[in-house]
Every structure is written in structure tokens, then in C-alpha cells.
Amino acid sequence: MIRYDLSGKTALVTGGASGIGLATATMLANNGCAVAINHLHDDARGPEAVEALAAATGARVISAPGNVADPDDAERMVTAAIADLGRLDYLVNNAGTPGTRTAIPPKELERITEEMWQTVIGVNLLGVFRCGKAAAPALTAAHGAIVNVASIAGLGSAGSSLAYGATKAGVVSLTQNFARALGPDVRVNGVAPGAVDSTWMVEWTEARRQVSAEKALLKRRCTPEDIAEVILFLLAGAAMVTGQVIVVDGGLTLESR
């Protein structure tokens, strides 16, 4: 993996207590970046991740509790994190939810409820907008970068549900339009993970996990670190890349076409 000198840089990672978010925070800290890990107020994994990462890397790691689905709390969280860090160079909009414990095939429309729509839109789509908007002045001052975590479900794959896929398609559009809004001072890109082995609320069967590995051209599922590596590149490298969404799926969607 390429190493970057991120001494003096700062980052806020939403949904950073586990999975892709924690893997990204870890890579940033290992490269010398000070990191604010966002997590829900009542998620004990957040403070535990902050303490463990600070001890393991020696980097400055702080807690940024807050719910990105709540407009007031999201803005407060971002503002507080920037104040604690002193500046903001990088924002990773990773917080997300499937809104369901089990996958919902597109034909099962009766399982898609209003409550589910409100949940996934609030976290997956509006959360990205709220955090990006709140962080924009600090990122502009720092000539920083944003990476939004979308999904192959937002690029034509079925995903865990049609509601989830719709929000991730929205993240793709937001990424492009935030790039237009914040250029030339801030680069804004996204990643679209495929099947990832991480802590996630959808209970995929082992058979489905195996099928997704077999269908991928690289014959395995992604790890959170696979996604974090691309996020780090888009933040700290990729000086002429903006408004793009990079698919990281081991060739899963290519083989499925």
C-alpha cells in the first residue's frame, strides 16, 4: 500500500466505529492524520475504537458522537469535530444503514415501508448532504477532499433493497454535484463497494456470500481494508480526480453483466 505523509492533516469519518469507516480511520491515522471518529451517541464501539486506535497508532484520535440522520445533531457534530481538530482536510461520508435485517428482493414491494424509506433516506442520503454542507467552509479553507461511500446498489445492482439502492444512487448524484459546488478548492469523489465482509446489519446467508465471491473476477469478497485503501488514495492522492465514483468490487458487477 502507498504511504502518505499526512502529518498536520485532519479527517472526520462518519460511521467510523466499525467496518469500512474504522478501516479508513485506521489507515488515515497510520499515515499521521489526526482523525475524528463519528458514531451514534449510544454506540459503545465508538469510544472503544477511539481509545484502541490512538493507542495502536500514536495519532490523535477523537470521538465525534452524533446522528447524521438528525439535521441539528449532524451540523453540531461536524462543527464540534472541526473545532476539536482545529481544521478539516478530509471528510469521509461513510455512515449508512440498509434499513432491514434481511435482503428484500425487488418484487417484494410490500416489505418496503414508509418507515424504512425515512430511515435510509435520513442516514444514507440526507446525512451525506448535511455533513458535506456543514464541513464545506473548513474544507474550502484547507483545499481538502471529500469521499462519499456509495454502493454498487446505486449503479444498477439490486443490493439489500430497492430503497437502499435508491439512496445510494442519490449519493452518486450528490458526489457529482458537490464536486461542481465546491470546485476548484475541494475535490469530491465516491467509492462504490461491492460485497464486503464486515459488520453489517443485513444477515446474508453463507451460500449467498460464497456465490458473490465466486462471481467476482478476483474470486473473493472485499474486505473493509480494500475499500479504505481506495478512499485514502482519493483523499490524499488523485490530485486531478473529482466528481468520480470508483467501483471497488473485485469485478463482481462486470462478471454479472
Protein backbone atom coordinates (compact mmCIF):
# COMPACT_ATOMS: atom_id res chain seq x y z
CA MET A 1 0.00 0.00 0.00
CA ILE A 2 1.23 3.52 -0.83
CA ARG A 3 2.24 5.57 2.20
CA TYR A 4 1.29 9.23 2.51
CA ASP A 5 2.73 11.86 4.83
CA LEU A 6 -0.42 13.21 6.41
CA SER A 7 1.26 14.94 9.35
CA GLY A 8 -0.72 18.07 10.19
CA LYS A 9 -3.78 16.84 8.28
CA THR A 10 -7.15 16.13 9.89
CA ALA A 11 -10.12 13.98 8.94
CA LEU A 12 -13.69 13.28 10.03
CA VAL A 13 -15.02 9.79 9.30
CA THR A 14 -18.73 9.26 9.79
CA GLY A 15 -19.86 5.81 10.86
CA GLY A 16 -16.28 5.23 11.94
CA ALA A 17 -16.74 2.75 14.79
CA SER A 18 -16.60 -0.39 12.64
CA GLY A 19 -16.26 -1.80 9.13
CA ILE A 20 -15.19 0.46 6.28
CA GLY A 21 -15.26 3.55 8.48
CA LEU A 22 -12.91 2.11 11.09
CA ALA A 23 -10.60 0.67 8.43
CA THR A 24 -10.42 4.13 6.83
CA ALA A 25 -9.79 5.87 10.14
CA THR A 26 -7.05 3.34 10.87
CA MET A 27 -5.28 3.94 7.54
CA LEU A 28 -5.51 7.70 7.98
CA ALA A 29 -4.07 7.51 11.49
CA ASN A 30 -1.31 5.15 10.37
CA ASN A 31 -0.29 7.80 7.85
CA GLY A 32 -0.06 10.52 10.50
CA CYS A 33 -3.51 12.09 10.14
CA ALA A 34 -5.49 13.27 13.17
CA VAL A 35 -8.92 11.61 13.00
CA ALA A 36 -12.36 12.30 14.42
CA ILE A 37 -14.45 9.14 14.54
CA ASN A 38 -18.18 9.77 14.31
CA HIS A 39 -20.53 7.27 15.94
CA LEU A 40 -24.02 7.22 17.42
CA HIS A 41 -24.28 8.61 20.93
CA ASP A 42 -25.20 5.25 22.45
CA ASP A 43 -22.77 3.09 20.45
CA ALA A 44 -20.15 1.83 22.89
CA ARG A 45 -17.97 0.74 19.98
CA GLY A 46 -17.18 4.39 19.24
CA PRO A 47 -15.20 5.31 22.38
CA GLU A 48 -13.62 1.85 22.33
CA ALA A 49 -12.43 2.35 18.74
CA VAL A 50 -11.09 5.81 19.54
CA GLU A 51 -9.09 4.55 22.51
CA ALA A 52 -7.75 1.47 20.71
CA LEU A 53 -6.76 3.36 17.55
CA ALA A 54 -4.99 6.13 19.46
CA ALA A 55 -3.03 3.55 21.45
CA ALA A 56 -2.13 1.48 18.39
CA THR A 57 -1.02 4.34 16.12
CA GLY A 58 0.07 7.16 18.41
CA ALA A 59 -2.03 9.52 16.29
CA ARG A 60 -4.52 11.99 17.66
CA VAL A 61 -7.92 10.29 17.56
CA ILE A 62 -11.04 11.92 18.98
CA SER A 63 -14.67 10.94 19.41
CA ALA A 64 -17.35 12.76 17.40
CA PRO A 65 -20.70 11.39 18.61
CA GLY A 66 -23.76 12.37 16.61
CA ASN A 67 -26.59 11.14 14.43
CA VAL A 68 -26.24 12.20 10.78
CA ALA A 69 -29.96 11.47 10.28
CA ASP A 70 -30.81 14.35 12.62
CA PRO A 71 -30.24 17.72 10.90
CA ASP A 72 -29.39 19.64 14.07
CA ASP A 73 -27.24 16.89 15.54
CA ALA A 74 -25.37 16.35 12.26
CA GLU A 75 -24.43 20.01 11.97
CA ARG A 76 -23.47 20.20 15.64
CA MET A 77 -21.31 17.09 15.33
CA VAL A 78 -19.41 18.38 12.30
CA THR A 79 -18.91 21.83 13.83
CA ALA A 80 -17.67 20.34 17.11
CA ALA A 81 -15.30 17.94 15.35
CA ILE A 82 -13.77 20.75 13.30
CA ALA A 83 -13.35 22.87 16.43
CA ASP A 84 -11.69 19.98 18.28
CA LEU A 85 -9.40 19.16 15.37
CA GLY A 86 -8.58 22.80 14.67
CA ARG A 87 -9.18 22.44 10.91
CA LEU A 88 -10.58 19.90 8.47
CA ASP A 89 -8.77 18.49 5.44
CA TYR A 90 -10.76 15.35 4.74
CA LEU A 91 -14.36 14.23 5.17
CA VAL A 92 -15.41 10.61 4.66
CA ASN A 93 -19.19 10.25 4.48
CA ASN A 94 -19.40 6.57 5.37
CA ALA A 95 -22.35 6.36 7.79
CA GLY A 96 -25.10 4.21 6.31
CA THR A 97 -27.85 1.74 7.04
CA PRO A 98 -29.68 -0.90 4.99
CA GLY A 99 -32.87 -0.32 6.97
CA THR A 100 -33.52 -4.07 7.07
CA ARG A 101 -32.10 -7.17 8.69
CA THR A 102 -32.71 -9.37 5.66
CA ALA A 103 -32.40 -8.67 1.95
CA ILE A 104 -35.64 -7.63 0.24
CA PRO A 105 -35.92 -8.71 -3.42
CA PRO A 106 -37.29 -6.00 -5.77
CA LYS A 107 -40.55 -7.92 -6.34
CA GLU A 108 -41.45 -7.85 -2.62
CA LEU A 109 -42.72 -4.28 -2.64
CA GLU A 110 -45.00 -4.88 0.34
CA ARG A 111 -41.92 -5.17 2.58
CA ILE A 112 -40.75 -1.65 1.72
CA THR A 113 -42.40 0.54 4.34
CA GLU A 114 -42.63 4.30 4.81
CA GLU A 115 -40.61 3.93 7.99
CA MET A 116 -37.85 2.16 6.09
CA TRP A 117 -37.76 4.91 3.46
CA GLN A 118 -37.45 7.58 6.14
CA THR A 119 -34.61 5.69 7.82
CA VAL A 120 -32.48 5.03 4.75
CA ILE A 121 -33.04 8.46 3.22
CA GLY A 122 -32.21 10.19 6.51
CA VAL A 123 -28.93 8.37 7.05
CA ASN A 124 -27.69 7.37 3.61
CA LEU A 125 -28.65 10.41 1.57
CA LEU A 126 -29.51 13.42 3.71
CA GLY A 127 -26.70 12.55 6.12
CA VAL A 128 -24.19 12.89 3.28
CA PHE A 129 -25.63 16.25 2.27
CA ARG A 130 -25.79 17.59 5.83
CA CYS A 131 -22.21 16.68 6.70
CA GLY A 132 -20.85 17.88 3.38
CA LYS A 133 -22.64 21.20 3.68
CA ALA A 134 -21.56 21.74 7.29
CA ALA A 135 -17.93 20.86 6.50
CA ALA A 136 -17.71 22.85 3.25
CA PRO A 137 -16.27 26.11 4.68
CA ALA A 138 -13.49 24.35 6.58
CA LEU A 139 -12.69 22.05 3.67
CA THR A 140 -12.60 25.01 1.29
CA ALA A 141 -10.17 26.84 3.56
CA ALA A 142 -7.93 23.75 3.70
CA HIS A 143 -8.28 22.89 -0.03
CA GLY A 144 -9.39 19.49 1.17
CA ALA A 145 -11.30 16.50 -0.15
CA ILE A 146 -14.49 14.51 0.43
CA VAL A 147 -15.10 10.83 -0.27
CA ASN A 148 -18.67 9.54 -0.12
CA VAL A 149 -19.35 5.83 0.29
CA ALA A 150 -21.97 4.79 -2.25
CA SER A 151 -22.55 1.18 -3.37
CA ILE A 152 -22.85 -0.94 -6.49
CA ALA A 153 -26.53 -0.97 -5.46
CA GLY A 154 -26.61 2.65 -6.63
CA LEU A 155 -25.18 1.69 -10.01
CA GLY A 156 -27.62 -0.97 -11.13
CA SER A 157 -27.13 -3.91 -8.75
CA ALA A 158 -30.10 -4.98 -6.64
CA GLY A 159 -28.44 -4.58 -3.22
CA SER A 160 -30.26 -5.22 0.03
CA SER A 161 -33.44 -3.44 -1.13
CA LEU A 162 -34.70 -1.02 -3.76
CA ALA A 163 -34.92 1.71 -1.11
CA TYR A 164 -31.26 1.25 -0.18
CA GLY A 165 -30.25 1.24 -3.85
CA ALA A 166 -32.19 4.44 -4.49
CA THR A 167 -30.39 6.26 -1.67
CA LYS A 168 -27.00 5.09 -2.93
CA ALA A 169 -27.87 6.26 -6.45
CA GLY A 170 -28.60 9.58 -4.80
CA VAL A 171 -25.14 9.54 -3.22
CA VAL A 172 -23.64 9.15 -6.70
CA SER A 173 -25.55 12.24 -7.86
CA LEU A 174 -24.64 14.20 -4.73
CA THR A 175 -20.98 13.35 -5.29
CA GLN A 176 -21.06 14.80 -8.78
CA ASN A 177 -22.95 17.91 -7.73
CA PHE A 178 -20.84 18.54 -4.63
CA ALA A 179 -17.82 18.37 -6.94
CA ARG A 180 -19.43 21.09 -9.06
CA ALA A 181 -20.38 23.12 -5.99
CA LEU A 182 -17.02 23.02 -4.19
CA GLY A 183 -14.54 23.03 -7.05
CA PRO A 184 -11.83 24.14 -7.57
CA ASP A 185 -10.99 24.26 -3.86
CA VAL A 186 -12.36 20.87 -2.76
CA ARG A 187 -12.24 17.57 -4.64
CA VAL A 188 -15.28 15.33 -4.12
CA ASN A 189 -15.31 11.66 -5.11
CA GLY A 190 -17.02 8.44 -4.11
CA VAL A 191 -16.43 4.72 -3.83
CA ALA A 192 -19.00 2.06 -4.70
CA PRO A 193 -18.18 -1.11 -2.77
CA GLY A 194 -19.43 -4.49 -3.87
CA ALA A 195 -19.84 -7.43 -1.49
CA VAL A 196 -17.88 -6.59 1.67
CA ASP A 197 -17.13 -8.84 4.62
CA SER A 198 -17.73 -6.52 7.56
CA THR A 199 -20.05 -5.85 10.46
CA TRP A 200 -23.34 -5.04 8.73
CA MET A 201 -26.97 -5.30 9.67
CA VAL A 202 -28.07 -7.39 6.68
CA GLU A 203 -27.93 -11.08 7.51
CA TRP A 204 -26.59 -12.59 4.28
CA THR A 205 -26.58 -16.38 4.13
CA GLU A 206 -23.27 -18.17 3.82
CA ALA A 207 -24.41 -19.54 0.46
CA ARG A 208 -25.02 -16.02 -0.86
CA ARG A 209 -21.64 -14.90 0.44
CA GLN A 210 -19.99 -17.77 -1.39
CA VAL A 211 -21.85 -17.02 -4.61
CA SER A 212 -20.75 -13.36 -4.52
CA ALA A 213 -17.14 -14.49 -4.13
CA GLU A 214 -17.39 -17.00 -6.96
CA LYS A 215 -18.99 -14.46 -9.31
CA ALA A 216 -16.27 -11.86 -8.72
CA LEU A 217 -13.44 -11.92 -11.25
CA LEU A 218 -10.92 -11.82 -8.39
CA LYS A 219 -12.73 -14.72 -6.67
CA ARG A 220 -13.15 -13.19 -3.25
CA ARG A 221 -15.29 -10.69 -1.39
CA CYS A 222 -13.92 -7.27 -0.48
CA THR A 223 -12.57 -6.50 2.97
CA PRO A 224 -13.08 -3.12 4.65
CA GLU A 225 -9.37 -2.50 4.08
CA ASP A 226 -9.82 -2.95 0.30
CA ILE A 227 -12.33 -0.10 0.30
CA ALA A 228 -10.34 2.05 2.74
CA GLU A 229 -7.25 1.85 0.52
CA VAL A 230 -9.15 3.44 -2.37
CA ILE A 231 -10.70 6.05 -0.07
CA LEU A 232 -7.24 7.01 1.17
CA PHE A 233 -5.99 7.37 -2.41
CA LEU A 234 -8.92 9.61 -3.34
CA LEU A 235 -8.32 11.77 -0.26
CA ALA A 236 -4.54 12.09 -0.22
CA GLY A 237 -3.62 11.42 -3.87
CA ALA A 238 -5.66 11.67 -7.07
CA ALA A 239 -4.96 15.39 -7.45
CA MET A 240 -6.87 15.65 -10.76
CA VAL A 241 -9.79 13.36 -9.90
CA THR A 242 -13.11 14.88 -8.84
CA GLY A 243 -16.76 14.03 -9.36
CA GLN A 244 -15.97 10.35 -9.88
CA VAL A 245 -17.30 7.20 -8.22
CA ILE A 246 -14.84 4.31 -8.21
CA VAL A 247 -16.28 0.79 -8.16
CA VAL A 248 -14.40 -1.50 -5.76
CA ASP A 249 -15.94 -4.93 -6.13
CA GLY A 250 -13.30 -7.33 -7.45
CA GLY A 251 -15.07 -7.44 -10.81
CA LEU A 252 -18.37 -8.66 -9.33
CA THR A 253 -20.60 -6.37 -11.39
CA LEU A 254 -18.51 -6.80 -14.53
CA GLU A 255 -18.98 -10.56 -14.44
CA SER A 256 -22.68 -10.22 -13.66
CA ARG A 257 -23.45 -8.24 -16.82
